[in-house]
Protein backbone atom coordinates (compact mmCIF):
# COMPACT_ATOMS: atom_id res chain seq x y z
CA MET A 1 113.18 83.73 92.36
CA PRO A 2 111.29 81.82 89.64
CA THR A 3 109.46 84.32 87.44
CA ASN A 4 108.36 82.51 84.30
CA LYS A 5 105.02 80.78 83.95
CA ASN A 6 106.40 77.22 84.01
CA ALA A 7 108.39 77.90 87.19
CA LEU A 8 105.37 79.30 89.00
CA THR A 9 103.30 76.32 87.84
CA ARG A 10 105.93 73.92 89.21
CA ILE A 11 105.89 75.74 92.55
CA ALA A 12 102.10 75.38 92.72
CA ILE A 13 102.31 71.64 91.88
CA LEU A 14 105.02 71.03 94.49
CA ASP A 15 103.02 72.97 97.09
CA GLU A 16 100.08 70.63 96.52
CA LEU A 17 102.22 67.48 96.64
CA LEU A 18 104.06 68.51 99.79
CA SER A 19 100.71 69.04 101.54
CA ASP A 20 99.50 65.54 100.61
CA ARG A 21 99.23 63.24 103.64
CA HIS A 22 97.86 60.26 101.68
CA HIS A 23 100.91 59.57 99.51
CA TYR A 24 104.65 59.41 100.07
CA TYR A 25 106.82 61.26 97.57
CA ASN A 26 110.56 61.24 97.25
CA LEU A 27 112.51 63.57 94.97
CA ASP A 28 112.09 61.30 91.95
CA ASP A 29 108.34 61.05 92.57
CA LEU A 30 108.01 64.83 92.78
CA THR A 31 109.95 65.19 89.53
CA GLU A 32 107.76 62.60 87.80
CA LYS A 33 104.52 64.22 89.02
CA CYS A 34 105.68 67.63 87.76
CA ASN A 35 106.48 66.11 84.38
CA GLU A 36 103.01 64.57 84.18
CA ARG A 37 101.20 67.78 85.13
CA LEU A 38 103.33 70.07 82.98
CA GLY A 39 103.31 67.80 79.95
CA LYS A 40 107.00 68.50 79.40
CA PRO A 41 110.18 67.07 80.96
CA VAL A 42 111.90 68.82 83.86
CA CYS A 43 115.05 67.54 85.50
CA ARG A 44 115.47 66.45 89.10
CA ARG A 45 118.02 69.22 89.69
CA LEU A 46 115.42 71.85 88.76
CA ILE A 47 112.96 70.40 91.29
CA GLU A 48 115.69 70.52 93.94
CA LYS A 49 116.15 74.23 93.24
CA ASP A 50 112.40 74.80 93.49
CA LEU A 51 112.35 73.11 96.91
CA VAL A 52 115.22 75.32 98.11
CA PHE A 53 113.24 78.35 96.93
CA ILE A 54 110.10 77.20 98.79
CA GLU A 55 112.18 76.73 101.95
CA GLY A 56 113.90 80.08 101.51
CA ALA A 57 113.12 83.56 102.79
CA SER A 58 110.25 84.12 100.38
CA PHE A 59 108.01 81.44 101.92
CA GLY A 60 109.97 79.95 104.83
CA ALA A 61 108.31 76.55 104.43
CA ASN A 62 109.38 73.84 106.85
CA ILE A 63 109.92 70.71 104.73
CA GLU A 64 110.66 67.52 106.62
CA ARG A 65 112.62 64.58 105.22
CA PHE A 66 111.59 61.14 106.48
CA SER A 67 111.77 57.47 105.53
CA ALA A 68 108.61 55.67 104.38
CA ALA A 69 107.79 52.85 101.98
CA GLY A 70 111.49 52.16 101.65
CA LYS A 71 112.40 55.58 100.32
CA ARG A 72 113.45 59.05 101.51
CA CYS A 73 110.33 61.22 101.33
CA LEU A 74 109.52 64.93 101.63
CA ARG A 75 106.47 66.82 102.89
CA TYR A 76 105.48 69.91 104.84
CA SER A 77 105.94 69.45 108.57
CA ASP A 78 102.59 71.15 109.09
CA PRO A 79 99.88 69.41 107.02
CA ALA A 80 97.82 72.61 106.98
CA PHE A 81 100.65 74.70 105.56
CA SER A 82 100.57 76.09 102.02
CA ILE A 83 102.62 78.87 100.52
CA PHE A 84 99.36 80.27 99.15
CA THR A 85 97.75 80.59 102.59
CA LYS A 86 100.83 81.74 104.50
CA LYS A 87 100.10 84.72 106.73
CA LEU A 88 102.00 87.89 106.03
CA SER A 89 104.60 89.05 108.53
CA ASP A 90 104.40 92.60 109.93
CA ASP A 91 107.24 93.69 107.64
CA GLU A 92 105.49 92.16 104.63
CA LYS A 93 102.23 93.87 105.58
CA ASN A 94 103.98 97.23 105.91
CA LEU A 95 105.65 96.82 102.53
CA LEU A 96 102.40 95.76 100.88
CA GLN A 97 100.51 98.64 102.48
CA GLU A 98 103.00 101.16 101.15
CA THR A 99 103.02 99.53 97.71
CA LEU A 100 99.24 99.77 97.55
CA ALA A 101 99.34 103.35 98.81
CA THR A 102 101.80 104.18 96.02
CA LEU A 103 99.55 102.54 93.44
CA GLY A 104 96.71 104.47 95.04
CA GLN A 105 97.63 107.46 92.90
CA PHE A 106 95.52 105.71 90.26
CA ASP A 107 92.45 105.41 92.51
CA GLY A 108 89.26 106.41 90.75
CA LEU A 109 90.66 106.05 87.25
CA LYS A 110 88.64 103.99 84.83
CA ASN A 111 90.08 100.49 84.25
CA PHE A 112 91.87 100.57 87.62
CA GLU A 113 88.83 99.45 89.61
CA TRP A 114 90.59 96.12 90.21
CA LEU A 115 93.02 97.94 92.50
CA GLU A 116 90.30 98.74 95.03
CA ASP A 117 88.96 95.17 94.81
CA PHE A 118 92.45 93.87 95.46
CA LYS A 119 92.78 96.06 98.56
CA ASN A 120 89.45 94.84 99.90
CA ARG A 121 90.32 91.17 99.40
CA LEU A 122 93.59 91.55 101.28
CA GLU A 123 91.74 93.16 104.20
CA ILE A 124 94.72 95.40 104.95
CA GLU A 125 93.93 98.56 106.88
CA GLU A 126 94.40 101.93 105.22
CA ARG A 127 97.16 104.07 106.69
CA ARG A 128 98.88 107.38 106.16
CA LYS A 129 101.14 107.47 103.10
CA ILE A 130 104.87 107.41 103.71
CA ILE A 131 105.85 108.05 100.07
CA CYS A 132 103.99 110.50 97.86
CA PHE A 133 104.53 110.82 94.11
CA SER A 134 103.58 113.70 91.85
CA ASN A 135 100.19 113.15 90.26
CA ASN A 136 97.89 115.34 88.18
CA PRO A 137 94.26 114.19 88.70
CA TYR A 138 93.04 116.75 86.13
CA LEU A 139 95.19 115.43 83.28
CA LYS A 140 93.21 115.12 80.07
CA ASN A 141 92.50 111.51 78.99
CA SER A 142 93.72 110.10 82.32
CA ASN A 143 91.23 107.26 81.78
CA LYS A 144 93.43 106.12 78.89
CA LEU A 145 96.12 105.28 81.45
CA GLY A 146 94.17 102.27 82.74
CA GLN A 147 93.35 101.12 79.22
CA ALA A 148 96.98 101.28 78.11
CA PHE A 149 98.10 99.53 81.31
CA ASN A 150 95.78 96.60 80.62
CA PHE A 151 96.80 96.30 76.97
CA ILE A 152 100.51 96.29 77.88
CA SER A 153 100.00 93.76 80.69
CA ASN A 154 98.09 91.39 78.42
CA ARG A 155 100.35 91.91 75.37
CA VAL A 156 97.53 93.15 73.14
CA ALA A 157 98.19 94.98 69.88
CA VAL A 158 96.08 98.14 69.68
CA ARG A 159 94.60 100.53 67.14
CA LEU A 160 95.54 104.10 68.09
CA SER A 161 93.72 107.21 67.00
CA TYR A 162 95.69 110.33 67.88
CA GLN A 163 96.00 113.99 66.96
CA THR A 164 99.03 116.16 67.68
CA PHE A 165 98.70 119.88 68.32
CA SER A 166 99.94 120.61 64.80
CA GLN A 167 97.53 118.27 62.98
CA ASN A 168 94.11 119.28 61.65
CA LYS A 169 92.58 115.83 61.95
CA PRO A 170 93.32 112.54 63.77
CA LYS A 171 95.51 109.79 62.37
CA SER A 172 95.33 106.06 63.13
CA LEU A 173 97.82 103.21 63.23
CA ASP A 174 98.26 99.70 64.58
CA PHE A 175 100.66 99.69 67.49
CA PHE A 176 102.40 97.34 69.96
CA PRO A 177 102.32 99.09 73.37
CA TYR A 178 105.35 98.45 75.63
CA LEU A 179 105.79 101.12 78.26
CA LEU A 180 104.00 103.91 80.14
CA LYS A 181 106.31 106.70 81.25
CA GLN A 182 105.64 109.90 83.16
CA TYR A 183 107.64 113.02 82.41
CA ASN A 184 106.97 116.59 83.52
CA ASP A 185 103.50 115.66 84.88
CA ARG A 186 102.38 114.11 81.58
CA TRP A 187 102.01 110.43 80.70
CA TYR A 188 103.41 108.94 77.51
CA LEU A 189 102.76 105.62 75.79
CA ILE A 190 105.81 104.12 74.09
CA GLY A 191 105.74 101.21 71.69
CA ALA A 192 106.34 100.10 68.11
CA ALA A 193 104.40 100.71 64.91
CA ALA A 194 103.07 97.38 63.63
CA GLU A 195 103.86 98.39 60.05
CA ASP A 196 107.62 98.87 60.32
CA GLY A 197 108.59 98.28 63.99
CA LYS A 198 109.67 101.91 64.49
CA ILE A 199 109.63 102.97 68.16
CA LEU A 200 107.12 105.79 68.69
CA THR A 201 106.04 107.94 71.62
CA PHE A 202 102.52 109.31 72.11
CA ALA A 203 101.34 111.76 74.76
CA LEU A 204 98.35 110.21 76.48
CA ASP A 205 96.38 113.47 76.33
CA ARG A 206 96.67 113.45 72.51
CA ILE A 207 95.30 109.92 72.11
CA ILE A 208 91.65 110.09 71.08
CA GLU A 209 90.92 106.37 71.14
CA ILE A 210 92.77 103.18 71.96
CA GLN A 211 91.15 99.86 71.07
CA PRO A 212 92.32 96.28 70.43
CA SER A 213 93.70 95.80 66.93
CA ASP A 214 92.85 93.02 64.50
CA ILE A 215 96.50 91.93 64.76
CA GLN A 216 96.62 88.74 66.83
CA ASP A 217 100.37 88.14 67.14
CA PHE A 218 102.01 90.52 69.60
CA GLU A 219 105.64 91.43 68.87
CA ASP A 220 107.81 92.11 71.92
CA ALA A 221 110.07 95.14 72.21
CA PRO A 222 113.26 94.72 70.15
CA GLU A 223 115.33 96.47 72.84
CA ASP A 224 115.34 97.58 76.46
CA LEU A 225 113.28 100.76 76.13
CA GLU A 226 114.56 102.12 79.43
CA GLU A 227 118.02 102.40 77.87
CA ARG A 228 116.64 104.82 75.25
CA PHE A 229 116.30 107.44 77.96
CA ASP A 230 120.01 107.29 78.85
CA ASP A 231 120.85 109.58 75.92
CA ILE A 232 118.01 112.11 76.09
CA ILE A 233 116.22 114.60 78.28
CA GLY A 234 112.50 113.99 77.95
CA VAL A 235 110.79 111.01 76.34
CA THR A 236 111.45 111.24 72.58
CA LEU A 237 114.59 109.91 70.93
CA PHE A 238 115.13 111.13 67.37
CA ASP A 239 117.00 108.29 65.70
CA ASP A 240 118.48 110.52 62.99
CA CYS A 241 119.74 113.19 65.41
CA PRO A 242 123.44 112.96 66.36
CA LEU A 243 124.57 113.24 69.96
CA GLN A 244 125.30 116.80 71.00
CA THR A 245 127.59 118.22 73.65
CA ILE A 246 125.95 121.11 75.50
CA THR A 247 127.94 123.49 77.68
CA PHE A 248 125.97 125.75 80.04
CA TRP A 249 126.66 128.20 82.85
CA VAL A 250 124.85 128.30 86.20
CA SER A 251 124.90 131.12 88.74
CA ASP A 252 126.33 130.65 92.22
CA GLU A 253 122.81 130.90 93.64
CA SER A 254 121.55 127.98 91.49
CA LYS A 255 124.60 125.76 91.11
CA ASN A 256 123.86 123.53 94.11
CA TYR A 257 120.42 122.69 92.73
CA ILE A 258 121.95 121.62 89.42
CA LEU A 259 124.77 119.69 91.13
CA THR A 260 122.39 117.70 93.33
CA LYS A 261 119.75 117.23 90.63
CA PRO A 262 121.63 116.89 87.32
CA LEU A 263 119.77 117.68 84.12
CA HIS A 264 121.19 114.44 82.68
CA GLY A 265 123.35 111.55 83.83
CA SER A 266 126.24 112.65 81.61
CA GLN A 267 126.45 116.08 83.28
CA LYS A 268 129.84 116.96 84.73
CA THR A 269 131.51 120.11 86.04
CA ILE A 270 134.16 121.81 83.90
CA SER A 271 137.25 123.03 85.73
CA GLY A 272 140.91 123.89 85.21
CA ASP A 273 142.23 125.37 81.96
CA LYS A 274 139.03 124.57 80.05
CA GLU A 275 136.99 126.58 82.57
CA THR A 276 139.37 129.53 82.23
CA ILE A 277 139.10 129.48 78.44
CA LEU A 278 135.29 129.32 78.54
CA ARG A 279 135.04 132.18 81.04
CA LYS A 280 137.14 134.38 78.76
CA GLN A 281 135.11 133.31 75.74
CA TYR A 282 131.76 133.90 77.47
CA PRO A 283 132.36 136.59 80.12
C-alpha cells in the first residue's frame, strides 16, 4: 500500500482522471498528467502499480479499458465512483468502530477533541466495546498526552520543562519527541535531546510544560526506538549499563503465571544438571 506523501498524491490525481468523462486517457496520458501535477517525473511502471492498487482489495475500483480516439483508454466504469466517496462495507465499519472505541480511551482529554469531531463526521453509531485497554483517567498531567501526540505527529521540536522527584526545581531543554509509551499505568515521552541527540525518557506526570521550541528543523529518530525495549524491563535504557543475566526462582503456585506472562522476552526455564546445581546452591 502506498504510504508516502507523493504516492497518496498520485492516487488522488489518478482518481480524478479516471472519473473524467470529458477526456480520454491512456496509460501514457495518465503518466504525463501525474508528472505535470506533481512537478517531478514518475515512470509509467509506477502508474501501472498505482492502478493495480486502486483496483485491489483496499478500494475495489472497477476500471474499464476501452478504445477511443485511436488509443487504449482507462476510466472508472461508474462515472460517479471515487475512492474518496466509496461506502464502507460492514466489515470495514466494524473495524473502524472498534478502532474508534479503542482510541476512545482518550475521550475528554485536552487536545484530543478532534477525535469526537471525527466520530461525528463519520456518522458511525456508538456500540459496546469489544476490546478494553487499561487506562487511568486520574493520571496527573494527562492533558499533556494530547499535546505530545500532536507535536510528534507534526514533527515539531519542543521545549520541555520537567522536574523529577529528586530535583528541587524544574529543568528545561530542547527536545525532539518521537514516541509515547505506556508502562505500568504511566505514560512516558521518549525522544532525543536537541543538544547532543541523546535518547531520553520523561514521565508525563513530571513534565511541567511542553511548548514548541525555537528550533525549526526537526531531526528524526536515529534508530527504531521500539527495539530499545527488547533489552529492558520498563522504559529506560541506561546506555552505560552492561547486560545482566538474572536467575530467579518461582513457587509452584505462581510458576504458571510467569510461564504464560514472561517478565521479559529472553526468559527461559532452567532444567537438567544446571537446575540441580542451583537447587543445591539455593535450597
